C-alpha cells in the first residue's frame, strides 16, 4: 500500500442566490444544484458556510483520485457547470489539489 498515490481535490464556491427569499427557498435551490452536480460529476458536496444567510452559500466539492489531471478536469467541470446555472451567481472560488 505504500506505493499508492492519492490526491484530494477540493473546490470552494461562494455563491449568491438572487431569487431566494427565504432559507427554505435557498435550501430548495441548493438541493437541486447539489443533486445535479453529484450525479453528473461523481463528487461529494456540502454547504460549509453562510448557513444563516438566505441569499448566500459557501459550498465545498471534493473528490479523491490517483490522477491529478482527472481531479482538475472534474472540479473545473463543476466550476463551469455552476457558472452556467442561472439560479445562482458565482462570487468567488478556490481550487486546491493536495
Protein backbone atom coordinates (compact mmCIF):
# COMPACT_ATOMS: atom_id res chain seq x y z
CA UNK A 1 0.00 0.00 0.00
CA UNK A 2 2.95 2.36 0.39
CA UNK A 3 3.22 2.70 -3.39
CA UNK A 4 -0.33 4.06 -3.72
CA UNK A 5 -0.57 7.73 -4.64
CA UNK A 6 -3.70 9.55 -3.59
CA UNK A 7 -4.67 13.11 -4.46
CA UNK A 8 -7.53 15.04 -2.89
CA UNK A 9 -9.23 17.89 -4.72
CA UNK A 10 -11.43 20.49 -3.05
CA UNK A 11 -13.33 23.26 -4.82
CA UNK A 12 -14.84 26.01 -2.68
CA UNK A 13 -17.55 28.18 -4.22
CA UNK A 14 -19.16 31.23 -2.69
CA UNK A 15 -22.45 31.79 -4.46
CA UNK A 16 -25.26 34.33 -4.49
CA UNK A 17 -28.85 33.12 -4.94
CA UNK A 18 -30.71 36.20 -6.24
CA UNK A 19 -34.21 34.71 -6.39
CA UNK A 20 -34.11 33.27 -2.88
CA UNK A 21 -36.49 34.98 -0.50
CA UNK A 22 -36.08 32.65 2.48
CA UNK A 23 -33.91 29.91 3.90
CA UNK A 24 -36.49 27.41 2.63
CA UNK A 25 -36.13 28.60 -0.98
CA UNK A 26 -32.33 28.66 -0.58
CA UNK A 27 -32.37 25.02 0.55
CA UNK A 28 -34.51 24.10 -2.45
CA UNK A 29 -32.12 25.74 -4.94
CA UNK A 30 -29.07 24.22 -3.23
CA UNK A 31 -30.59 20.73 -3.08
CA UNK A 32 -31.31 20.82 -6.80
CA UNK A 33 -27.83 22.12 -7.64
CA UNK A 34 -26.05 19.64 -5.35
CA UNK A 35 -28.04 16.68 -6.71
CA UNK A 36 -27.28 17.62 -10.32
CA UNK A 37 -23.56 18.10 -9.62
CA UNK A 38 -23.31 14.81 -7.69
CA UNK A 39 -24.95 12.82 -10.47
CA UNK A 40 -23.04 14.49 -13.29
CA UNK A 41 -19.53 14.67 -11.81
CA UNK A 42 -19.49 12.00 -9.07
CA UNK A 43 -18.12 14.36 -6.40
CA UNK A 44 -19.06 14.94 -2.79
CA UNK A 45 -20.62 18.26 -1.86
CA UNK A 46 -21.53 20.06 1.36
CA UNK A 47 -22.61 23.53 2.39
CA UNK A 48 -19.75 24.74 4.59
CA UNK A 49 -20.58 28.39 5.18
CA UNK A 50 -23.21 31.13 5.24
CA UNK A 51 -25.78 28.72 6.67
CA UNK A 52 -27.93 31.51 8.09
CA UNK A 53 -27.82 33.77 5.01
CA UNK A 54 -30.81 33.25 2.71
CA UNK A 55 -29.15 34.57 -0.47
CA UNK A 56 -25.58 33.31 0.01
CA UNK A 57 -23.87 29.99 0.42
CA UNK A 58 -20.39 28.51 0.54
CA UNK A 59 -20.20 25.05 -1.00
CA UNK A 60 -17.29 22.62 -0.92
CA UNK A 61 -16.94 19.94 -3.60
CA UNK A 62 -14.47 17.14 -3.01
CA UNK A 63 -13.03 14.20 -4.90
CA UNK A 64 -10.23 11.66 -4.50
CA UNK A 65 -8.18 10.15 -7.31
CA UNK A 66 -4.77 8.75 -8.13
CA UNK A 67 -4.63 11.12 -11.12
CA UNK A 68 -4.24 14.88 -10.54
CA UNK A 69 -5.32 15.65 -14.11
CA UNK A 70 -8.58 13.77 -13.61
CA UNK A 71 -9.26 15.70 -10.39
CA UNK A 72 -8.54 19.05 -12.00
CA UNK A 73 -10.73 18.25 -15.01
CA UNK A 74 -13.63 17.07 -12.81
CA UNK A 75 -13.55 20.07 -10.48
CA UNK A 76 -13.12 22.53 -13.36
CA UNK A 77 -16.21 20.87 -14.86
CA UNK A 78 -18.11 21.51 -11.62
CA UNK A 79 -17.00 25.15 -11.68
CA UNK A 80 -18.16 25.61 -15.29
CA UNK A 81 -21.46 23.86 -14.56
CA UNK A 82 -22.20 26.16 -11.61
CA UNK A 83 -21.19 29.26 -13.61
CA UNK A 84 -23.69 28.26 -16.31
CA UNK A 85 -26.50 27.76 -13.77
CA UNK A 86 -28.97 30.63 -13.97
CA UNK A 87 -30.31 30.17 -10.43
CA UNK A 88 -27.01 31.16 -8.80
CA UNK A 89 -24.22 33.66 -9.36
CA UNK A 90 -20.60 32.85 -8.55
CA UNK A 91 -18.99 35.33 -6.15
CA UNK A 92 -15.63 33.61 -5.68
CA UNK A 93 -13.95 30.25 -5.94
CA UNK A 94 -10.85 28.42 -4.78
CA UNK A 95 -9.48 25.11 -6.07
CA UNK A 96 -6.93 23.05 -4.14
CA UNK A 97 -5.42 19.73 -5.13
CA UNK A 98 -3.37 18.07 -2.39
